[in-house]
Structures are given as structure tokens and as C-alpha cells.
């Protein structure tokens, strides 16, 4: 399975995933409800990737520092499921 609109695989090396995300803007589909947007579709400008890992539930994730475009551009740490990223720009 690929990540969003790239040829990058979900289980690619962490350095490849970090390189593909750093400095990019991503559209992310929240699993649950969002307090910021009612449709759950979020936009983040990723400043850096701290970690890429497989969670206990088997999902591939990345811990990132990102500007939250939907929340006045505030920089926040977020853990994103890679499968939840629908587009990388």
C-alpha cells in the first residue's frame, strides 16, 4: 500500500518516509472527530519528522512537528497514521 499520491510504501524505511514528508504539506483524514474541523479533513505543513514507527495496533505512524493550517498555523506535535494521509503536496 502506498502513502497518499506517492510511490512510497507504508513500510518503507523511516528515513525515506521522513524525507518524503519533511517540508511538505499534507492532507490528513482524522480517524475520529476533530475539534477544529467538522469534516475531519486536516491540513498540516510538516516542519520535521521526529519518528516513524509501527504502533502496537500494527499501524504505521509518524510523529511530526507541523504547522496546523486549520488552527491559525500553530506549530504542534502530532502523531499521524501514514494511511490517513490522503495527499502530499
PDB file of N, CA and C in Angstrom:
ATOM      1  N   UNK A   1       0.847  -1.176   0.000  1.00  0.00           N
ATOM      2  CA  UNK A   1       0.000   0.000   0.000  1.00  0.00           C
ATOM      3  C   UNK A   1       0.896   1.245   0.000  1.00  0.00           C
ATOM      4  N   UNK A   2       0.539   2.200  -0.823  1.00  0.00           N
ATOM      5  CA  UNK A   2       1.334   3.423  -0.925  1.00  0.00           C
ATOM      6  C   UNK A   2       0.796   4.519  -0.005  1.00  0.00           C
ATOM      7  N   UNK A   3       1.651   5.499   0.248  1.00  0.00           N
ATOM      8  CA  UNK A   3       1.260   6.647   1.053  1.00  0.00           C
ATOM      9  C   UNK A   3       0.749   7.723   0.109  1.00  0.00           C
ATOM     10  N   UNK A   4      -0.511   8.066   0.263  1.00  0.00           N
ATOM     11  CA  UNK A   4      -1.152   9.152  -0.486  1.00  0.00           C
ATOM     12  C   UNK A   4      -0.877   9.047  -1.981  1.00  0.00           C
ATOM     13  N   UNK A   5      -0.495  10.152  -2.581  1.00  0.00           N
ATOM     14  CA  UNK A   5      -0.288  10.248  -4.022  1.00  0.00           C
ATOM     15  C   UNK A   5       1.191  10.045  -4.391  1.00  0.00           C
ATOM     16  N   UNK A   6       1.895   9.198  -3.641  1.00  0.00           N
ATOM     17  CA  UNK A   6       3.307   8.929  -3.909  1.00  0.00           C
ATOM     18  C   UNK A   6       3.492   7.454  -4.246  1.00  0.00           C
ATOM     19  N   UNK A   7       4.700   7.087  -4.600  1.00  0.00           N
ATOM     20  CA  UNK A   7       5.018   5.674  -4.804  1.00  0.00           C
ATOM     21  C   UNK A   7       5.637   5.067  -3.546  1.00  0.00           C
ATOM     22  N   UNK A   8       5.726   5.857  -2.487  1.00  0.00           N
ATOM     23  CA  UNK A   8       6.301   5.433  -1.221  1.00  0.00           C
ATOM     24  C   UNK A   8       5.376   4.427  -0.535  1.00  0.00           C
ATOM     25  N   UNK A   9       5.938   3.324  -0.099  1.00  0.00           N
ATOM     26  CA  UNK A   9       5.158   2.280   0.565  1.00  0.00           C
ATOM     27  C   UNK A   9       5.012   2.583   2.059  1.00  0.00           C
ATOM     28  N   UNK A  10       3.924   2.111   2.669  1.00  0.00           N
ATOM     29  CA  UNK A  10       3.684   2.327   4.094  1.00  0.00           C
ATOM     30  C   UNK A  10       4.851   1.845   4.948  1.00  0.00           C
ATOM     31  N   UNK A  11       5.463   0.731   4.553  1.00  0.00           N
ATOM     32  CA  UNK A  11       6.537   0.166   5.367  1.00  0.00           C
ATOM     33  C   UNK A  11       7.913   0.449   4.786  1.00  0.00           C
ATOM     34  N   UNK A  12       8.058   1.557   4.067  1.00  0.00           N
ATOM     35  CA  UNK A  12       9.365   1.996   3.586  1.00  0.00           C
ATOM     36  C   UNK A  12      10.240   2.355   4.777  1.00  0.00           C
ATOM     37  N   UNK A  13      11.530   2.450   4.537  1.00  0.00           N
ATOM     38  CA  UNK A  13      12.475   2.806   5.595  1.00  0.00           C
ATOM     39  C   UNK A  13      12.081   4.146   6.215  1.00  0.00           C
ATOM     40  N   UNK A  14      12.217   4.271   7.531  1.00  0.00           N
ATOM     41  CA  UNK A  14      11.861   5.522   8.210  1.00  0.00           C
ATOM     42  C   UNK A  14      12.527   6.753   7.596  1.00  0.00           C
ATOM     43  N   UNK A  15      13.761   6.631   7.149  1.00  0.00           N
ATOM     44  CA  UNK A  15      14.447   7.789   6.557  1.00  0.00           C
ATOM     45  C   UNK A  15      13.778   8.215   5.259  1.00  0.00           C
ATOM     46  N   UNK A  16      13.282   7.259   4.475  1.00  0.00           N
ATOM     47  CA  UNK A  16      12.579   7.595   3.235  1.00  0.00           C
ATOM     48  C   UNK A  16      11.252   8.286   3.532  1.00  0.00           C
ATOM     49  N   UNK A  17      10.535   7.789   4.525  1.00  0.00           N
ATOM     50  CA  UNK A  17       9.252   8.392   4.902  1.00  0.00           C
ATOM     51  C   UNK A  17       9.487   9.817   5.418  1.00  0.00           C
ATOM     52  N   UNK A  18      10.463   9.977   6.299  1.00  0.00           N
ATOM     53  CA  UNK A  18      10.773  11.299   6.855  1.00  0.00           C
ATOM     54  C   UNK A  18      11.156  12.276   5.754  1.00  0.00           C
ATOM     55  N   UNK A  19      11.962  11.829   4.814  1.00  0.00           N
ATOM     56  CA  UNK A  19      12.390  12.679   3.706  1.00  0.00           C
ATOM     57  C   UNK A  19      11.204  13.094   2.832  1.00  0.00           C
ATOM     58  N   UNK A  20      10.271  12.177   2.614  1.00  0.00           N
ATOM     59  CA  UNK A  20       9.110  12.466   1.768  1.00  0.00           C
ATOM     60  C   UNK A  20       8.138  13.439   2.427  1.00  0.00           C
ATOM     61  N   UNK A  21       8.129  13.495   3.762  1.00  0.00           N
ATOM     62  CA  UNK A  21       7.168  14.337   4.470  1.00  0.00           C
ATOM     63  C   UNK A  21       7.725  15.694   4.893  1.00  0.00           C
ATOM     64  N   UNK A  22       9.001  15.769   5.206  1.00  0.00           N
ATOM     65  CA  UNK A  22       9.596  17.000   5.728  1.00  0.00           C
ATOM     66  C   UNK A  22       9.511  18.133   4.710  1.00  0.00           C
ATOM     67  N   UNK A  23       8.976  19.261   5.173  1.00  0.00           N
ATOM     68  CA  UNK A  23       8.838  20.435   4.316  1.00  0.00           C
ATOM     69  C   UNK A  23       7.652  20.388   3.376  1.00  0.00           C
ATOM     70  N   UNK A  24       6.830  19.374   3.504  1.00  0.00           N
ATOM     71  CA  UNK A  24       5.673  19.212   2.611  1.00  0.00           C
ATOM     72  C   UNK A  24       4.375  19.513   3.347  1.00  0.00           C
ATOM     73  N   UNK A  25       3.347  19.792   2.584  1.00  0.00           N
ATOM     74  CA  UNK A  25       2.004  19.991   3.126  1.00  0.00           C
ATOM     75  C   UNK A  25       1.220  18.715   2.872  1.00  0.00           C
ATOM     76  N   UNK A  26       0.519  18.238   3.909  1.00  0.00           N
ATOM     77  CA  UNK A  26      -0.252  17.004   3.761  1.00  0.00           C
ATOM     78  C   UNK A  26      -1.714  17.251   4.107  1.00  0.00           C
ATOM     79  N   UNK A  27      -2.574  16.537   3.406  1.00  0.00           N
ATOM     80  CA  UNK A  27      -3.993  16.486   3.756  1.00  0.00           C
ATOM     81  C   UNK A  27      -4.163  15.200   4.544  1.00  0.00           C
ATOM     82  N   UNK A  28      -4.777  15.303   5.708  1.00  0.00           N
ATOM     83  CA  UNK A  28      -4.870  14.177   6.626  1.00  0.00           C
ATOM     84  C   UNK A  28      -6.317  13.937   7.012  1.00  0.00           C
ATOM     85  N   UNK A  29      -6.729  12.688   6.976  1.00  0.00           N
ATOM     86  CA  UNK A  29      -8.094  12.316   7.336  1.00  0.00           C
ATOM     87  C   UNK A  29      -8.105  11.788   8.766  1.00  0.00           C
ATOM     88  N   UNK A  30      -8.663  12.561   9.701  1.00  0.00           N
ATOM     89  CA  UNK A  30      -8.750  12.132  11.099  1.00  0.00           C
ATOM     90  C   UNK A  30      -9.572  10.864  11.203  1.00  0.00           C
ATOM     91  N   UNK A  31      -9.166   9.979  12.101  1.00  0.00           N
ATOM     92  CA  UNK A  31      -9.963   8.777  12.345  1.00  0.00           C
ATOM     93  C   UNK A  31     -11.241   9.124  13.093  1.00  0.00           C
ATOM     94  N   UNK A  32     -11.122  10.009  14.065  1.00  0.00           N
ATOM     95  CA  UNK A  32     -12.280  10.407  14.849  1.00  0.00           C
ATOM     96  C   UNK A  32     -12.687  11.828  14.522  1.00  0.00           C
ATOM     97  N   UNK A  33     -13.500  12.384  15.378  1.00  0.00           N
ATOM     98  CA  UNK A  33     -13.936  13.757  15.156  1.00  0.00           C
ATOM     99  C   UNK A  33     -12.796  14.729  15.456  1.00  0.00           C
ATOM    100  N   UNK A  34     -12.876  15.878  14.860  1.00  0.00           N
ATOM    101  CA  UNK A  34     -11.879  16.922  15.049  1.00  0.00           C
ATOM    102  C   UNK A  34     -12.540  18.109  15.727  1.00  0.00           C
ATOM    103  N   UNK A  35     -11.861  18.690  16.708  1.00  0.00           N
ATOM    104  CA  UNK A  35     -12.414  19.870  17.371  1.00  0.00           C
ATOM    105  C   UNK A  35     -12.197  21.120  16.522  1.00  0.00           C
ATOM    106  N   UNK A  36     -11.367  21.008  15.480  1.00  0.00           N
ATOM    107  CA  UNK A  36     -11.041  22.155  14.645  1.00  0.00           C
ATOM    108  C   UNK A  36     -11.882  22.187  13.370  1.00  0.00           C
ATOM    109  N   UNK A  37     -12.116  21.031  12.762  1.00  0.00           N
ATOM    110  CA  UNK A  37     -12.896  20.968  11.512  1.00  0.00           C
ATOM    111  C   UNK A  37     -13.943  19.877  11.614  1.00  0.00           C
ATOM    112  N   UNK A  38     -15.149  20.205  11.234  1.00  0.00           N
ATOM    113  CA  UNK A  38     -16.248  19.249  11.373  1.00  0.00           C
ATOM    114  C   UNK A  38     -16.140  18.060  10.430  1.00  0.00           C
ATOM    115  N   UNK A  39     -15.506  18.227   9.258  1.00  0.00           N
ATOM    116  CA  UNK A  39     -15.418  17.109   8.318  1.00  0.00           C
ATOM    117  C   UNK A  39     -14.226  16.183   8.601  1.00  0.00           C
ATOM    118  N   UNK A  40     -13.361  16.551   9.548  1.00  0.00           N
ATOM    119  CA  UNK A  40     -12.239  15.695   9.922  1.00  0.00           C
ATOM    120  C   UNK A  40     -11.064  15.729   8.958  1.00  0.00           C
ATOM    121  N   UNK A  41     -11.153  16.504   7.885  1.00  0.00           N
ATOM    122  CA  UNK A  41     -10.054  16.609   6.921  1.00  0.00           C
ATOM    123  C   UNK A  41      -9.157  17.760   7.368  1.00  0.00           C
ATOM    124  N   UNK A  42      -7.914  17.449   7.690  1.00  0.00           N
ATOM    125  CA  UNK A  42      -6.992  18.446   8.237  1.00  0.00           C
ATOM    126  C   UNK A  42      -5.855  18.703   7.264  1.00  0.00           C
ATOM    127  N   UNK A  43      -5.210  19.860   7.394  1.00  0.00           N
ATOM    128  CA  UNK A  43      -4.067  20.212   6.566  1.00  0.00           C
ATOM    129  C   UNK A  43      -2.914  20.608   7.484  1.00  0.00           C
ATOM    130  N   UNK A  44      -1.768  19.951   7.282  1.00  0.00           N
ATOM    131  CA  UNK A  44      -0.584  20.205   8.083  1.00  0.00           C
ATOM    132  C   UNK A  44       0.605  20.490   7.178  1.00  0.00           C
ATOM    133  N   UNK A  45       1.410  21.472   7.538  1.00  0.00           N
ATOM    134  CA  UNK A  45       2.685  21.759   6.875  1.00  0.00           C
ATOM    135  C   UNK A  45       3.757  21.162   7.786  1.00  0.00           C
ATOM    136  N   UNK A  46       4.356  20.068   7.358  1.00  0.00           N
ATOM    137  CA  UNK A  46       5.284  19.334   8.214  1.00  0.00           C
ATOM    138  C   UNK A  46       6.646  20.008   8.219  1.00  0.00           C
ATOM    139  N   UNK A  47       7.069  20.409   9.415  1.00  0.00           N
ATOM    140  CA  UNK A  47       8.360  21.064   9.594  1.00  0.00           C
ATOM    141  C   UNK A  47       9.477  20.037   9.769  1.00  0.00           C
ATOM    142  N   UNK A  48       9.219  19.013  10.577  1.00  0.00           N
ATOM    143  CA  UNK A  48      10.206  17.941  10.761  1.00  0.00           C
ATOM    144  C   UNK A  48       9.504  16.676  11.217  1.00  0.00           C
ATOM    145  N   UNK A  49      10.164  15.560  10.975  1.00  0.00           N
ATOM    146  CA  UNK A  49       9.663  14.251  11.389  1.00  0.00           C
ATOM    147  C   UNK A  49      10.577  13.752  12.497  1.00  0.00           C
ATOM    148  N   UNK A  50      10.016  13.525  13.682  1.00  0.00           N
ATOM    149  CA  UNK A  50      10.811  13.051  14.817  1.00  0.00           C
ATOM    150  C   UNK A  50      10.972  11.536  14.823  1.00  0.00           C
ATOM    151  N   UNK A  51       9.938  10.817  14.389  1.00  0.00           N
ATOM    152  CA  UNK A  51       9.987   9.359  14.471  1.00  0.00           C
ATOM    153  C   UNK A  51       9.005   8.758  13.472  1.00  0.00           C
ATOM    154  N   UNK A  52       9.373   7.619  12.938  1.00  0.00           N
ATOM    155  CA  UNK A  52       8.484   6.809  12.099  1.00  0.00           C
ATOM    156  C   UNK A  52       8.503   5.423  12.732  1.00  0.00           C
ATOM    157  N   UNK A  53       7.332   4.893  13.044  1.00  0.00           N
ATOM    158  CA  UNK A  53       7.277   3.647  13.802  1.00  0.00           C
ATOM    159  C   UNK A  53       6.004   2.871  13.487  1.00  0.00           C
ATOM    160  N   UNK A  54       5.979   1.636  13.937  1.00  0.00           N
ATOM    161  CA  UNK A  54       4.784   0.811  13.842  1.00  0.00           C
ATOM    162  C   UNK A  54       4.166   0.742  15.232  1.00  0.00           C
ATOM    163  N   UNK A  55       2.918   1.181  15.345  1.00  0.00           N
ATOM    164  CA  UNK A  55       2.218   1.187  16.629  1.00  0.00           C
ATOM    165  C   UNK A  55       1.865  -0.244  17.047  1.00  0.00           C
ATOM    166  N   UNK A  56       1.485  -0.398  18.300  1.00  0.00           N
ATOM    167  CA  UNK A  56       1.110  -1.715  18.821  1.00  0.00           C
ATOM    168  C   UNK A  56      -0.048  -2.330  18.043  1.00  0.00           C
ATOM    169  N   UNK A  57      -0.908  -1.484  17.465  1.00  0.00           N
ATOM    170  CA  UNK A  57      -2.045  -1.992  16.694  1.00  0.00           C
ATOM    171  C   UNK A  57      -1.659  -2.355  15.255  1.00  0.00           C
ATOM    172  N   UNK A  58      -0.360  -2.209  14.918  1.00  0.00           N
ATOM    173  CA  UNK A  58       0.133  -2.581  13.600  1.00  0.00           C
ATOM    174  C   UNK A  58       0.111  -1.454  12.581  1.00  0.00           C
ATOM    175  N   UNK A  59      -0.411  -0.297  12.958  1.00  0.00           N
ATOM    176  CA  UNK A  59      -0.472   0.823  12.016  1.00  0.00           C
ATOM    177  C   UNK A  59       0.859   1.558  11.987  1.00  0.00           C
ATOM    178  N   UNK A  60       1.255   1.974  10.797  1.00  0.00           N
ATOM    179  CA  UNK A  60       2.500   2.723  10.610  1.00  0.00           C
ATOM    180  C   UNK A  60       2.202   4.197  10.885  1.00  0.00           C
ATOM    181  N   UNK A  61       3.037   4.832  11.715  1.00  0.00           N
ATOM    182  CA  UNK A  61       2.790   6.197  12.172  1.00  0.00           C
ATOM    183  C   UNK A  61       4.051   7.049  12.062  1.00  0.00           C
ATOM    184  N   UNK A  62       3.861   8.357  12.115  1.00  0.00           N
ATOM    185  CA  UNK A  62       4.971   9.304  12.165  1.00  0.00           C
ATOM    186  C   UNK A  62       4.636  10.366  13.206  1.00  0.00           C
ATOM    187  N   UNK A  63       5.597  10.665  14.047  1.00  0.00           N
ATOM    188  CA  UNK A  63       5.473  11.783  14.972  1.00  0.00           C
ATOM    189  C   UNK A  63       6.140  12.970  14.301  1.00  0.00           C
ATOM    190  N   UNK A  64       5.375  14.047  14.122  1.00  0.00           N
ATOM    191  CA  UNK A  64       5.855  15.198  13.360  1.00  0.00           C
ATOM    192  C   UNK A  64       5.632  16.492  14.130  1.00  0.00           C
ATOM    193  N   UNK A  65       6.450  17.500  13.814  1.00  0.00           N
ATOM    194  CA  UNK A  65       6.177  18.867  14.223  1.00  0.00           C
ATOM    195  C   UNK A  65       5.626  19.532  12.978  1.00  0.00           C
ATOM    196  N   UNK A  66       4.401  20.054  13.090  1.00  0.00           N
ATOM    197  CA  UNK A  66       3.741  20.594  11.901  1.00  0.00           C
ATOM    198  C   UNK A  66       2.985  21.863  12.235  1.00  0.00           C
ATOM    199  N   UNK A  67       2.934  22.759  11.252  1.00  0.00           N
ATOM    200  CA  UNK A  67       2.064  23.927  11.359  1.00  0.00           C
ATOM    201  C   UNK A  67       0.659  23.452  11.026  1.00  0.00           C
ATOM    202  N   UNK A  68      -0.258  23.712  11.921  1.00  0.00           N
ATOM    203  CA  UNK A  68      -1.646  23.302  11.752  1.00  0.00           C
ATOM    204  C   UNK A  68      -2.371  24.397  10.971  1.00  0.00           C
ATOM    205  N   UNK A  69      -2.499  24.208   9.673  1.00  0.00           N
ATOM    206  CA  UNK A  69      -3.098  25.209   8.793  1.00  0.00           C
ATOM    207  C   UNK A  69      -4.519  25.542   9.219  1.00  0.00           C
ATOM    208  N   UNK A  70      -5.231  24.557   9.745  1.00  0.00           N
ATOM    209  CA  UNK A  70      -6.622  24.754  10.140  1.00  0.00           C
ATOM    210  C   UNK A  70      -6.768  25.423  11.507  1.00  0.00           C
ATOM    211  N   UNK A  71      -5.670  25.610  12.214  1.00  0.00           N
ATOM    212  CA  UNK A  71      -5.701  26.199  13.546  1.00  0.00           C
ATOM    213  C   UNK A  71      -4.720  27.371  13.614  1.00  0.00           C
ATOM    214  N   UNK A  72      -4.894  28.335  12.698  1.00  0.00           N
ATOM    215  CA  UNK A  72      -4.121  29.579  12.652  1.00  0.00           C
ATOM    216  C   UNK A  72      -2.620  29.361  12.475  1.00  0.00           C
ATOM    217  N   UNK A  73      -2.225  28.230  11.923  1.00  0.00           N
ATOM    218  CA  UNK A  73      -0.810  27.983  11.634  1.00  0.00           C
ATOM    219  C   UNK A  73       0.041  27.679  12.844  1.00  0.00           C
ATOM    220  N   UNK A  74      -0.582  27.310  13.947  1.00  0.00           N
ATOM    221  CA  UNK A  74       0.172  26.997  15.157  1.00  0.00           C
ATOM    222  C   UNK A  74       1.014  25.736  14.952  1.00  0.00           C
ATOM    223  N   UNK A  75       2.276  25.773  15.412  1.00  0.00           N
ATOM    224  CA  UNK A  75       3.141  24.590  15.335  1.00  0.00           C
ATOM    225  C   UNK A  75       2.795  23.657  16.487  1.00  0.00           C
ATOM    226  N   UNK A  76       2.562  22.402  16.147  1.00  0.00           N
ATOM    227  CA  UNK A  76       2.161  21.402  17.136  1.00  0.00           C
ATOM    228  C   UNK A  76       2.794  20.065  16.794  1.00  0.00           C
ATOM    229  N   UNK A  77       3.056  19.261  17.824  1.00  0.00           N
ATOM    230  CA  UNK A  77       3.471  17.883  17.588  1.00  0.00           C
ATOM    231  C   UNK A  77       2.226  17.054  17.376  1.00  0.00           C
ATOM    232  N   UNK A  78       2.271  16.196  16.383  1.00  0.00           N
ATOM    233  CA  UNK A  78       1.164  15.307  16.051  1.00  0.00           C
ATOM    234  C   UNK A  78       1.708  13.925  15.707  1.00  0.00           C
ATOM    235  N   UNK A  79       0.940  12.908  16.056  1.00  0.00           N
ATOM    236  CA  UNK A  79       1.237  11.560  15.589  1.00  0.00           C
ATOM    237  C   UNK A  79       0.205  11.248  14.519  1.00  0.00           C
ATOM    238  N   UNK A  80       0.689  11.013  13.308  1.00  0.00           N
ATOM    239  CA  UNK A  80      -0.191  10.774  12.169  1.00  0.00           C
ATOM    240  C   UNK A  80      -0.083   9.322  11.722  1.00  0.00           C
ATOM    241  N   UNK A  81      -1.222   8.691  11.447  1.00  0.00           N
ATOM    242  CA  UNK A  81      -1.214   7.379  10.800  1.00  0.00           C
ATOM    243  C   UNK A  81      -0.872   7.629   9.333  1.00  0.00           C
ATOM    244  N   UNK A  82       0.117   6.946   8.817  1.00  0.00           N
ATOM    245  CA  UNK A  82       0.522   7.182   7.423  1.00  0.00           C
ATOM    246  C   UNK A  82      -0.608   6.874   6.460  1.00  0.00           C
ATOM    247  N   UNK A  83      -1.440   5.881   6.773  1.00  0.00           N
ATOM    248  CA  UNK A  83      -2.567   5.553   5.897  1.00  0.00           C
ATOM    249  C   UNK A  83      -3.625   6.652   5.890  1.00  0.00           C
ATOM    250  N   UNK A  84      -3.598   7.551   6.882  1.00  0.00           N
ATOM    251  CA  UNK A  84      -4.547   8.645   6.947  1.00  0.00           C
ATOM    252  C   UNK A  84      -4.160   9.849   6.110  1.00  0.00           C
ATOM    253  N   UNK A  85      -2.946   9.818   5.546  1.00  0.00           N
ATOM    254  CA  UNK A  85      -2.503  10.919   4.688  1.00  0.00           C
ATOM    255  C   UNK A  85      -3.063  10.696   3.296  1.00  0.00           C
ATOM    256  N   UNK A  86      -3.916  11.615   2.852  1.00  0.00           N
ATOM    257  CA  UNK A  86      -4.575  11.420   1.553  1.00  0.00           C
ATOM    258  C   UNK A  86      -3.873  12.153   0.412  1.00  0.00           C
ATOM    259  N   UNK A  87      -3.033  13.141   0.733  1.00  0.00           N
ATOM    260  CA  UNK A  87      -2.296  13.866  -0.312  1.00  0.00           C
ATOM    261  C   UNK A  87      -1.059  14.504   0.302  1.00  0.00           C
ATOM    262  N   UNK A  88       0.018  14.507  -0.489  1.00  0.00           N
ATOM    263  CA  UNK A  88       1.257  15.192  -0.122  1.00  0.00           C
ATOM    264  C   UNK A  88       1.557  16.175  -1.241  1.00  0.00           C
ATOM    265  N   UNK A  89       1.698  17.454  -0.868  1.00  0.00           N
ATOM    266  CA  UNK A  89       1.960  18.494  -1.861  1.00  0.00           C
ATOM    267  C   UNK A  89       3.339  19.085  -1.630  1.00  0.00           C
TER     268      UNK A  89
END
